[in-house]
Amino acid sequence: GICTLAKQCGHAGAIEWNGDVFSCDHFVFPQYHLGNIHQNTLLELMY
């Protein structure tokens, strides 16, 4: 029930106030910015 002890991660992202989506809550750094839901859907970004 916790991602840290799972074999893989990447299914759990974070969305900021403006719609920016990042790879993970603990990877909210510019290099892990996936895009914005105003330009691409969450499905497109997370997959």
All heavy atoms as atom14 arrays in JSON, in Angstrom:
{
  "sequence": "GICTLAKQCGHAGAIEWNGDVFSCDHFVFPQYHLGNIHQNTLLELMY",
  "atom14_mask": [
    [1, 1, 1, 1, 0, 0, 0, 0, 0, 0, 0, 0, 0, 0],
    [1, 1, 1, 1, 1, 1, 1, 1, 0, 0, 0, 0, 0, 0],
    [1, 1, 1, 1, 1, 1, 0, 0, 0, 0, 0, 0, 0, 0],
    [1, 1, 1, 1, 1, 1, 1, 0, 0, 0, 0, 0, 0, 0],
    [1, 1, 1, 1, 1, 1, 1, 1, 0, 0, 0, 0, 0, 0],
    [1, 1, 1, 1, 1, 0, 0, 0, 0, 0, 0, 0, 0, 0],
    [1, 1, 1, 1, 1, 1, 1, 1, 1, 0, 0, 0, 0, 0],
    [1, 1, 1, 1, 1, 1, 1, 1, 1, 0, 0, 0, 0, 0],
    [1, 1, 1, 1, 1, 1, 0, 0, 0, 0, 0, 0, 0, 0],
    [1, 1, 1, 1, 0, 0, 0, 0, 0, 0, 0, 0, 0, 0],
    [1, 1, 1, 1, 1, 1, 1, 1, 1, 1, 0, 0, 0, 0],
    [1, 1, 1, 1, 1, 0, 0, 0, 0, 0, 0, 0, 0, 0],
    [1, 1, 1, 1, 0, 0, 0, 0, 0, 0, 0, 0, 0, 0],
    [1, 1, 1, 1, 1, 0, 0, 0, 0, 0, 0, 0, 0, 0],
    [1, 1, 1, 1, 1, 1, 1, 1, 0, 0, 0, 0, 0, 0],
    [1, 1, 1, 1, 1, 1, 1, 1, 1, 0, 0, 0, 0, 0],
    [1, 1, 1, 1, 1, 1, 1, 1, 1, 1, 1, 1, 1, 1],
    [1, 1, 1, 1, 1, 1, 1, 1, 0, 0, 0, 0, 0, 0],
    [1, 1, 1, 1, 0, 0, 0, 0, 0, 0, 0, 0, 0, 0],
    [1, 1, 1, 1, 1, 1, 1, 1, 0, 0, 0, 0, 0, 0],
    [1, 1, 1, 1, 1, 1, 1, 0, 0, 0, 0, 0, 0, 0],
    [1, 1, 1, 1, 1, 1, 1, 1, 1, 1, 1, 0, 0, 0],
    [1, 1, 1, 1, 1, 1, 0, 0, 0, 0, 0, 0, 0, 0],
    [1, 1, 1, 1, 1, 1, 0, 0, 0, 0, 0, 0, 0, 0],
    [1, 1, 1, 1, 1, 1, 1, 1, 0, 0, 0, 0, 0, 0],
    [1, 1, 1, 1, 1, 1, 1, 1, 1, 1, 0, 0, 0, 0],
    [1, 1, 1, 1, 1, 1, 1, 1, 1, 1, 1, 0, 0, 0],
    [1, 1, 1, 1, 1, 1, 1, 0, 0, 0, 0, 0, 0, 0],
    [1, 1, 1, 1, 1, 1, 1, 1, 1, 1, 1, 0, 0, 0],
    [1, 1, 1, 1, 1, 1, 1, 0, 0, 0, 0, 0, 0, 0],
    [1, 1, 1, 1, 1, 1, 1, 1, 1, 0, 0, 0, 0, 0],
    [1, 1, 1, 1, 1, 1, 1, 1, 1, 1, 1, 1, 0, 0],
    [1, 1, 1, 1, 1, 1, 1, 1, 1, 1, 0, 0, 0, 0],
    [1, 1, 1, 1, 1, 1, 1, 1, 0, 0, 0, 0, 0, 0],
    [1, 1, 1, 1, 0, 0, 0, 0, 0, 0, 0, 0, 0, 0],
    [1, 1, 1, 1, 1, 1, 1, 1, 0, 0, 0, 0, 0, 0],
    [1, 1, 1, 1, 1, 1, 1, 1, 0, 0, 0, 0, 0, 0],
    [1, 1, 1, 1, 1, 1, 1, 1, 1, 1, 0, 0, 0, 0],
    [1, 1, 1, 1, 1, 1, 1, 1, 1, 0, 0, 0, 0, 0],
    [1, 1, 1, 1, 1, 1, 1, 1, 0, 0, 0, 0, 0, 0],
    [1, 1, 1, 1, 1, 1, 1, 0, 0, 0, 0, 0, 0, 0],
    [1, 1, 1, 1, 1, 1, 1, 1, 0, 0, 0, 0, 0, 0],
    [1, 1, 1, 1, 1, 1, 1, 1, 0, 0, 0, 0, 0, 0],
    [1, 1, 1, 1, 1, 1, 1, 1, 1, 0, 0, 0, 0, 0],
    [1, 1, 1, 1, 1, 1, 1, 1, 0, 0, 0, 0, 0, 0],
    [1, 1, 1, 1, 1, 1, 1, 1, 0, 0, 0, 0, 0, 0],
    [1, 1, 1, 1, 1, 1, 1, 1, 1, 1, 1, 1, 0, 0]
  ],
  "atom14_positions": [
    [[0.8, -1.22, 0.0], [0.0, 0.0, 0.0], [0.82, 1.26, 0.0], [0.32, 2.35, 0.29], [0.0, 0.0, 0.0], [0.0, 0.0, 0.0], [0.0, 0.0, 0.0], [0.0, 0.0, 0.0], [0.0, 0.0, 0.0], [0.0, 0.0, 0.0], [0.0, 0.0, 0.0], [0.0, 0.0, 0.0], [0.0, 0.0, 0.0], [0.0, 0.0, 0.0]],
    [[2.1, 1.14, -0.32], [2.98, 2.31, -0.32], [3.92, 2.2, -1.51], [4.52, 1.15, -1.76], [3.75, 2.42, 1.02], [4.65, 3.64, 1.05], [4.52, 1.15, 1.32], [5.28, 3.87, 2.42], [0.0, 0.0, 0.0], [0.0, 0.0, 0.0], [0.0, 0.0, 0.0], [0.0, 0.0, 0.0], [0.0, 0.0, 0.0], [0.0, 0.0, 0.0]],
    [[4.03, 3.27, -2.27], [4.79, 3.22, -3.52], [6.28, 2.99, -3.3], [6.95, 2.39, -4.14], [4.57, 4.49, -4.33], [4.97, 6.03, -3.46], [0.0, 0.0, 0.0], [0.0, 0.0, 0.0], [0.0, 0.0, 0.0], [0.0, 0.0, 0.0], [0.0, 0.0, 0.0], [0.0, 0.0, 0.0], [0.0, 0.0, 0.0], [0.0, 0.0, 0.0]],
    [[6.82, 3.45, -2.17], [8.25, 3.32, -1.94], [8.72, 1.87, -1.91], [9.86, 1.56, -2.27], [8.67, 4.0, -0.62], [7.88, 3.47, 0.45], [8.47, 5.51, -0.7], [0.0, 0.0, 0.0], [0.0, 0.0, 0.0], [0.0, 0.0, 0.0], [0.0, 0.0, 0.0], [0.0, 0.0, 0.0], [0.0, 0.0, 0.0], [0.0, 0.0, 0.0]],
    [[7.85, 0.96, -1.48], [8.22, -0.45, -1.37], [7.7, -1.29, -2.55], [7.81, -2.51, -2.53], [7.71, -1.04, -0.06], [8.26, -0.42, 1.23], [7.79, -1.2, 2.45], [9.78, -0.34, 1.22], [0.0, 0.0, 0.0], [0.0, 0.0, 0.0], [0.0, 0.0, 0.0], [0.0, 0.0, 0.0], [0.0, 0.0, 0.0], [0.0, 0.0, 0.0]],
    [[7.17, -0.64, -3.57], [6.69, -1.34, -4.75], [7.83, -1.53, -5.75], [8.83, -0.8, -5.73], [5.56, -0.57, -5.41], [0.0, 0.0, 0.0], [0.0, 0.0, 0.0], [0.0, 0.0, 0.0], [0.0, 0.0, 0.0], [0.0, 0.0, 0.0], [0.0, 0.0, 0.0], [0.0, 0.0, 0.0], [0.0, 0.0, 0.0], [0.0, 0.0, 0.0]],
    [[7.67, -2.51, -6.64], [8.71, -2.8, -7.63], [8.88, -1.65, -8.62], [9.99, -1.3, -9.01], [8.39, -4.09, -8.38], [9.47, -4.5, -9.39], [9.15, -5.82, -10.04], [10.24, -6.23, -11.03], [9.95, -7.54, -11.66], [0.0, 0.0, 0.0], [0.0, 0.0, 0.0], [0.0, 0.0, 0.0], [0.0, 0.0, 0.0], [0.0, 0.0, 0.0]],
    [[7.78, -1.07, -9.03], [7.8, 0.05, -9.97], [7.03, 1.22, -9.39], [6.19, 1.05, -8.52], [7.2, -0.35, -11.32], [8.06, -1.3, -12.12], [7.56, -1.44, -13.56], [6.49, -0.99, -13.91], [8.36, -2.09, -14.38], [0.0, 0.0, 0.0], [0.0, 0.0, 0.0], [0.0, 0.0, 0.0], [0.0, 0.0, 0.0], [0.0, 0.0, 0.0]],
    [[7.32, 2.4, -9.89], [6.54, 3.57, -9.52], [6.13, 4.27, -10.81], [6.18, 3.68, -11.88], [7.3, 4.48, -8.57], [8.88, 5.1, -9.2], [0.0, 0.0, 0.0], [0.0, 0.0, 0.0], [0.0, 0.0, 0.0], [0.0, 0.0, 0.0], [0.0, 0.0, 0.0], [0.0, 0.0, 0.0], [0.0, 0.0, 0.0], [0.0, 0.0, 0.0]],
    [[5.74, 5.52, -10.72], [5.39, 6.26, -11.92], [3.9, 6.39, -12.16], [3.48, 7.17, -13.0], [0.0, 0.0, 0.0], [0.0, 0.0, 0.0], [0.0, 0.0, 0.0], [0.0, 0.0, 0.0], [0.0, 0.0, 0.0], [0.0, 0.0, 0.0], [0.0, 0.0, 0.0], [0.0, 0.0, 0.0], [0.0, 0.0, 0.0], [0.0, 0.0, 0.0]],
    [[3.1, 5.61, -11.4], [1.64, 5.72, -11.57], [1.08, 6.89, -10.76], [-0.06, 7.27, -10.94], [0.96, 4.43, -11.11], [0.83, 4.33, -9.63], [1.92, 4.17, -8.81], [-0.25, 4.42, -8.82], [1.51, 4.16, -7.56], [0.21, 4.3, -7.53], [0.0, 0.0, 0.0], [0.0, 0.0, 0.0], [0.0, 0.0, 0.0], [0.0, 0.0, 0.0]],
    [[1.88, 7.43, -9.83], [1.4, 8.45, -8.9], [2.13, 9.77, -9.15], [3.29, 9.92, -8.79], [1.6, 7.99, -7.46], [0.0, 0.0, 0.0], [0.0, 0.0, 0.0], [0.0, 0.0, 0.0], [0.0, 0.0, 0.0], [0.0, 0.0, 0.0], [0.0, 0.0, 0.0], [0.0, 0.0, 0.0], [0.0, 0.0, 0.0], [0.0, 0.0, 0.0]],
    [[1.44, 10.7, -9.77], [2.03, 12.0, -10.07], [1.52, 13.08, -9.14], [0.8, 12.82, -8.17], [0.0, 0.0, 0.0], [0.0, 0.0, 0.0], [0.0, 0.0, 0.0], [0.0, 0.0, 0.0], [0.0, 0.0, 0.0], [0.0, 0.0, 0.0], [0.0, 0.0, 0.0], [0.0, 0.0, 0.0], [0.0, 0.0, 0.0], [0.0, 0.0, 0.0]],
    [[1.9, 14.3, -9.44], [1.44, 15.46, -8.68], [1.02, 16.55, -9.65], [1.66, 16.74, -10.69], [2.55, 15.97, -7.76], [0.0, 0.0, 0.0], [0.0, 0.0, 0.0], [0.0, 0.0, 0.0], [0.0, 0.0, 0.0], [0.0, 0.0, 0.0], [0.0, 0.0, 0.0], [0.0, 0.0, 0.0], [0.0, 0.0, 0.0], [0.0, 0.0, 0.0]],
    [[-0.07, 17.24, -9.32], [-0.52, 18.36, -10.15], [-0.49, 19.63, -9.32], [-1.04, 19.69, -8.22], [-1.91, 18.1, -10.76], [-2.27, 19.22, -11.74], [-2.99, 17.92, -9.7], [-3.49, 18.91, -12.6], [0.0, 0.0, 0.0], [0.0, 0.0, 0.0], [0.0, 0.0, 0.0], [0.0, 0.0, 0.0], [0.0, 0.0, 0.0], [0.0, 0.0, 0.0]],
    [[0.17, 20.62, -9.84], [0.27, 21.91, -9.17], [-0.97, 22.76, -9.46], [-1.81, 22.44, -10.3], [1.55, 22.63, -9.59], [2.72, 22.41, -8.64], [2.55, 23.17, -7.33], [1.53, 23.9, -7.17], [3.43, 23.06, -6.47], [0.0, 0.0, 0.0], [0.0, 0.0, 0.0], [0.0, 0.0, 0.0], [0.0, 0.0, 0.0], [0.0, 0.0, 0.0]],
    [[-1.03, 23.88, -8.77], [-2.19, 24.77, -8.81], [-2.56, 25.24, -10.21], [-3.73, 25.52, -10.51], [-1.93, 25.99, -7.91], [-0.7, 26.76, -8.35], [0.59, 26.47, -8.03], [-0.65, 27.89, -9.21], [1.45, 27.36, -8.63], [0.71, 28.26, -9.36], [-1.62, 28.66, -9.86], [1.12, 29.33, -10.13], [-1.22, 29.74, -10.63], [0.14, 30.07, -10.75]],
    [[-1.57, 25.33, -11.11], [-1.81, 25.87, -12.46], [-2.01, 24.79, -13.51], [-2.1, 25.09, -14.7], [-0.65, 26.77, -12.87], [0.66, 26.01, -13.02], [0.78, 24.88, -12.54], [1.63, 26.6, -13.68], [0.0, 0.0, 0.0], [0.0, 0.0, 0.0], [0.0, 0.0, 0.0], [0.0, 0.0, 0.0], [0.0, 0.0, 0.0], [0.0, 0.0, 0.0]],
    [[-2.04, 23.52, -13.07], [-2.21, 22.42, -14.01], [-0.93, 21.74, -14.43], [-0.96, 20.77, -15.2], [0.0, 0.0, 0.0], [0.0, 0.0, 0.0], [0.0, 0.0, 0.0], [0.0, 0.0, 0.0], [0.0, 0.0, 0.0], [0.0, 0.0, 0.0], [0.0, 0.0, 0.0], [0.0, 0.0, 0.0], [0.0, 0.0, 0.0], [0.0, 0.0, 0.0]],
    [[0.22, 22.21, -13.94], [1.49, 21.53, -14.21], [1.49, 20.16, -13.55], [1.11, 20.01, -12.39], [2.67, 22.34, -13.66], [3.06, 23.5, -14.56], [2.61, 23.54, -15.72], [3.81, 24.39, -14.08], [0.0, 0.0, 0.0], [0.0, 0.0, 0.0], [0.0, 0.0, 0.0], [0.0, 0.0, 0.0], [0.0, 0.0, 0.0], [0.0, 0.0, 0.0]],
    [[1.95, 19.16, -14.3], [2.01, 17.79, -13.79], [3.47, 17.36, -13.68], [4.26, 17.57, -14.6], [1.24, 16.82, -14.71], [1.35, 15.38, -14.21], [-0.23, 17.24, -14.8], [0.0, 0.0, 0.0], [0.0, 0.0, 0.0], [0.0, 0.0, 0.0], [0.0, 0.0, 0.0], [0.0, 0.0, 0.0], [0.0, 0.0, 0.0], [0.0, 0.0, 0.0]],
    [[3.81, 16.75, -12.54], [5.17, 16.27, -12.28], [5.14, 14.77, -12.05], [4.12, 14.2, -11.68], [5.76, 16.98, -11.07], [6.03, 18.45, -11.29], [5.01, 19.38, -11.12], [7.28, 18.9, -11.7], [5.25, 20.73, -11.33], [7.52, 20.25, -11.92], [6.5, 21.17, -11.74], [0.0, 0.0, 0.0], [0.0, 0.0, 0.0], [0.0, 0.0, 0.0]],
    [[6.29, 14.15, -12.26], [6.39, 12.68, -12.17], [5.97, 12.12, -10.83], [5.46, 11.01, -10.73], [7.82, 12.24, -12.49], [8.12, 12.48, -13.85], [0.0, 0.0, 0.0], [0.0, 0.0, 0.0], [0.0, 0.0, 0.0], [0.0, 0.0, 0.0], [0.0, 0.0, 0.0], [0.0, 0.0, 0.0], [0.0, 0.0, 0.0], [0.0, 0.0, 0.0]],
    [[6.21, 12.88, -9.76], [5.93, 12.39, -8.41], [5.95, 13.59, -7.47], [6.61, 14.6, -7.75], [7.01, 11.38, -8.0], [6.99, 10.88, -6.26], [0.0, 0.0, 0.0], [0.0, 0.0, 0.0], [0.0, 0.0, 0.0], [0.0, 0.0, 0.0], [0.0, 0.0, 0.0], [0.0, 0.0, 0.0], [0.0, 0.0, 0.0], [0.0, 0.0, 0.0]],
    [[5.27, 13.47, -6.35], [5.24, 14.53, -5.35], [6.64, 14.86, -4.83], [6.92, 16.0, -4.47], [4.32, 14.11, -4.2], [4.23, 15.14, -3.1], [3.98, 16.31, -3.44], [4.38, 14.78, -1.92], [0.0, 0.0, 0.0], [0.0, 0.0, 0.0], [0.0, 0.0, 0.0], [0.0, 0.0, 0.0], [0.0, 0.0, 0.0], [0.0, 0.0, 0.0]],
    [[7.52, 13.86, -4.79], [8.89, 14.08, -4.31], [9.86, 14.39, -5.45], [11.06, 14.48, -5.23], [9.37, 12.87, -3.51], [8.77, 12.8, -2.14], [9.24, 13.54, -1.08], [7.71, 12.09, -1.66], [8.51, 13.28, 0.0], [7.58, 12.41, -0.33], [0.0, 0.0, 0.0], [0.0, 0.0, 0.0], [0.0, 0.0, 0.0], [0.0, 0.0, 0.0]],
    [[9.32, 14.55, -6.64], [10.14, 14.91, -7.8], [9.59, 16.16, -8.47], [9.57, 16.26, -9.7], [10.21, 13.75, -8.79], [11.13, 12.64, -8.37], [10.72, 11.7, -7.43], [12.41, 12.54, -8.89], [11.57, 10.67, -7.02], [13.27, 11.51, -8.5], [12.85, 10.59, -7.56], [0.0, 0.0, 0.0], [0.0, 0.0, 0.0], [0.0, 0.0, 0.0]],
    [[9.12, 17.1, -7.67], [8.65, 18.37, -8.22], [9.87, 19.28, -8.41], [10.15, 20.19, -7.63], [7.57, 19.02, -7.33], [7.11, 20.35, -7.91], [6.36, 18.08, -7.22], [0.0, 0.0, 0.0], [0.0, 0.0, 0.0], [0.0, 0.0, 0.0], [0.0, 0.0, 0.0], [0.0, 0.0, 0.0], [0.0, 0.0, 0.0], [0.0, 0.0, 0.0]],
    [[10.62, 18.95, -9.44], [11.78, 19.7, -9.89], [11.59, 19.95, -11.39], [10.88, 19.19, -12.06], [13.07, 18.91, -9.67], [13.4, 18.63, -8.22], [13.02, 17.43, -7.63], [14.09, 19.56, -7.46], [13.33, 17.15, -6.31], [14.4, 19.31, -6.13], [14.02, 18.11, -5.56], [0.0, 0.0, 0.0], [0.0, 0.0, 0.0], [0.0, 0.0, 0.0]],
    [[12.19, 21.01, -11.93], [12.0, 21.32, -13.36], [12.27, 20.13, -14.28], [11.58, 19.95, -15.28], [12.99, 22.46, -13.6], [13.12, 23.13, -12.27], [13.04, 22.02, -11.25], [0.0, 0.0, 0.0], [0.0, 0.0, 0.0], [0.0, 0.0, 0.0], [0.0, 0.0, 0.0], [0.0, 0.0, 0.0], [0.0, 0.0, 0.0], [0.0, 0.0, 0.0]],
    [[13.27, 19.31, -13.94], [13.63, 18.2, -14.82], [12.61, 17.07, -14.82], [12.69, 16.15, -15.65], [15.03, 17.67, -14.49], [15.27, 17.27, -13.06], [15.81, 18.39, -12.19], [15.27, 19.48, -12.18], [16.89, 18.1, -11.45], [0.0, 0.0, 0.0], [0.0, 0.0, 0.0], [0.0, 0.0, 0.0], [0.0, 0.0, 0.0], [0.0, 0.0, 0.0]],
    [[11.63, 17.12, -13.91], [10.59, 16.08, -13.87], [9.2, 16.64, -14.2], [8.18, 16.04, -13.88], [10.58, 15.4, -12.5], [11.88, 14.69, -12.2], [12.86, 15.3, -11.4], [12.17, 13.45, -12.75], [14.07, 14.67, -11.14], [13.37, 12.81, -12.49], [14.31, 13.42, -11.69], [15.52, 12.8, -11.44], [0.0, 0.0, 0.0], [0.0, 0.0, 0.0]],
    [[9.18, 17.8, -14.84], [7.92, 18.42, -15.28], [7.46, 17.74, -16.56], [8.16, 17.74, -17.56], [8.14, 19.92, -15.51], [6.94, 20.65, -16.03], [6.97, 21.42, -17.16], [5.67, 20.68, -15.57], [5.77, 21.93, -17.38], [4.96, 21.49, -16.42], [0.0, 0.0, 0.0], [0.0, 0.0, 0.0], [0.0, 0.0, 0.0], [0.0, 0.0, 0.0]],
    [[6.26, 17.14, -16.52], [5.76, 16.38, -17.66], [4.98, 17.22, -18.65], [4.88, 16.88, -19.83], [4.86, 15.24, -17.17], [5.52, 14.18, -16.28], [4.47, 13.21, -15.75], [6.61, 13.43, -17.04], [0.0, 0.0, 0.0], [0.0, 0.0, 0.0], [0.0, 0.0, 0.0], [0.0, 0.0, 0.0], [0.0, 0.0, 0.0], [0.0, 0.0, 0.0]],
    [[4.38, 18.31, -18.17], [3.55, 19.14, -19.03], [2.41, 19.73, -18.23], [2.44, 19.75, -16.99], [0.0, 0.0, 0.0], [0.0, 0.0, 0.0], [0.0, 0.0, 0.0], [0.0, 0.0, 0.0], [0.0, 0.0, 0.0], [0.0, 0.0, 0.0], [0.0, 0.0, 0.0], [0.0, 0.0, 0.0], [0.0, 0.0, 0.0], [0.0, 0.0, 0.0]],
    [[1.39, 20.21, -18.92], [0.28, 20.9, -18.28], [-1.03, 20.38, -18.86], [-1.14, 20.16, -20.07], [0.4, 22.41, -18.49], [-0.59, 23.2, -17.66], [-1.78, 23.2, -17.92], [-0.08, 23.9, -16.64], [0.0, 0.0, 0.0], [0.0, 0.0, 0.0], [0.0, 0.0, 0.0], [0.0, 0.0, 0.0], [0.0, 0.0, 0.0], [0.0, 0.0, 0.0]],
    [[-2.03, 20.2, -18.0], [-3.3, 19.63, -18.46], [-4.07, 20.56, -19.39], [-5.03, 20.13, -20.02], [-4.2, 19.21, -17.27], [-4.58, 20.41, -16.4], [-3.53, 18.11, -16.46], [-5.67, 20.09, -15.37], [0.0, 0.0, 0.0], [0.0, 0.0, 0.0], [0.0, 0.0, 0.0], [0.0, 0.0, 0.0], [0.0, 0.0, 0.0], [0.0, 0.0, 0.0]],
    [[-3.66, 21.81, -19.47], [-4.3, 22.72, -20.42], [-3.79, 22.49, -21.84], [-4.41, 22.96, -22.79], [-4.08, 24.18, -20.0], [-4.84, 24.57, -18.76], [-6.17, 24.9, -18.76], [-4.43, 24.65, -17.46], [-6.56, 25.19, -17.53], [-5.52, 25.05, -16.72], [0.0, 0.0, 0.0], [0.0, 0.0, 0.0], [0.0, 0.0, 0.0], [0.0, 0.0, 0.0]],
    [[-2.68, 21.78, -21.95], [-2.13, 21.45, -23.28], [-2.25, 19.97, -23.61], [-2.44, 19.59, -24.77], [-0.65, 21.86, -23.38], [-0.41, 23.35, -23.57], [-0.51, 24.13, -22.27], [0.11, 23.77, -21.27], [-1.28, 25.21, -22.28], [0.0, 0.0, 0.0], [0.0, 0.0, 0.0], [0.0, 0.0, 0.0], [0.0, 0.0, 0.0], [0.0, 0.0, 0.0]],
    [[-2.11, 19.11, -22.6], [-2.21, 17.66, -22.79], [-3.04, 17.08, -21.66], [-3.04, 17.61, -20.55], [-0.83, 17.0, -22.79], [0.06, 17.5, -23.9], [0.85, 18.42, -23.72], [-0.06, 16.88, -25.08], [0.0, 0.0, 0.0], [0.0, 0.0, 0.0], [0.0, 0.0, 0.0], [0.0, 0.0, 0.0], [0.0, 0.0, 0.0], [0.0, 0.0, 0.0]],
    [[-3.73, 15.98, -21.93], [-4.55, 15.38, -20.88], [-3.67, 14.67, -19.85], [-2.52, 14.31, -20.12], [-5.54, 14.35, -21.46], [-4.81, 13.24, -21.98], [-6.4, 14.98, -22.56], [0.0, 0.0, 0.0], [0.0, 0.0, 0.0], [0.0, 0.0, 0.0], [0.0, 0.0, 0.0], [0.0, 0.0, 0.0], [0.0, 0.0, 0.0], [0.0, 0.0, 0.0]],
    [[-4.25, 14.46, -18.68], [-3.55, 13.7, -17.65], [-3.16, 12.32, -18.16], [-2.06, 11.82, -17.87], [-4.46, 13.52, -16.42], [-4.39, 14.55, -15.3], [-5.42, 14.22, -14.25], [-3.0, 14.59, -14.69], [0.0, 0.0, 0.0], [0.0, 0.0, 0.0], [0.0, 0.0, 0.0], [0.0, 0.0, 0.0], [0.0, 0.0, 0.0], [0.0, 0.0, 0.0]],
    [[-4.05, 11.71, -18.9], [-3.78, 10.38, -19.45], [-2.56, 10.4, -20.35], [-1.67, 9.54, -20.26], [-5.0, 9.88, -20.21], [-5.08, 8.38, -20.49], [-5.15, 7.59, -19.2], [-6.29, 8.07, -21.37], [0.0, 0.0, 0.0], [0.0, 0.0, 0.0], [0.0, 0.0, 0.0], [0.0, 0.0, 0.0], [0.0, 0.0, 0.0], [0.0, 0.0, 0.0]],
    [[-2.48, 11.4, -21.22], [-1.34, 11.52, -22.12], [-0.05, 11.75, -21.35], [1.0, 11.16, -21.67], [-1.57, 12.68, -23.1], [-2.66, 12.42, -24.13], [-3.02, 13.65, -24.92], [-2.82, 14.79, -24.43], [-3.53, 13.49, -26.05], [0.0, 0.0, 0.0], [0.0, 0.0, 0.0], [0.0, 0.0, 0.0], [0.0, 0.0, 0.0], [0.0, 0.0, 0.0]],
    [[-0.1, 12.59, -20.32], [1.1, 12.92, -19.57], [1.57, 11.75, -18.71], [2.77, 11.42, -18.68], [0.85, 14.15, -18.69], [0.55, 15.45, -19.43], [0.13, 16.54, -18.45], [1.76, 15.91, -20.23], [0.0, 0.0, 0.0], [0.0, 0.0, 0.0], [0.0, 0.0, 0.0], [0.0, 0.0, 0.0], [0.0, 0.0, 0.0], [0.0, 0.0, 0.0]],
    [[0.64, 11.1, -18.01], [1.02, 10.03, -17.08], [1.35, 8.72, -17.79], [1.98, 7.85, -17.2], [-0.09, 9.82, -16.05], [-0.25, 10.98, -15.07], [1.25, 11.29, -14.08], [1.3, 9.81, -13.09], [0.0, 0.0, 0.0], [0.0, 0.0, 0.0], [0.0, 0.0, 0.0], [0.0, 0.0, 0.0], [0.0, 0.0, 0.0], [0.0, 0.0, 0.0]],
    [[0.93, 8.59, -19.04], [1.29, 7.4, -19.82], [2.24, 7.74, -20.96], [2.39, 6.97, -21.9], [0.03, 6.69, -20.35], [-0.68, 5.93, -19.26], [-1.71, 6.52, -18.53], [-0.31, 4.64, -18.93], [-2.35, 5.83, -17.51], [-0.95, 3.94, -17.91], [-1.97, 4.54, -17.21], [-2.6, 3.86, -16.18], [0.0, 0.0, 0.0], [0.0, 0.0, 0.0]]
  ]
}
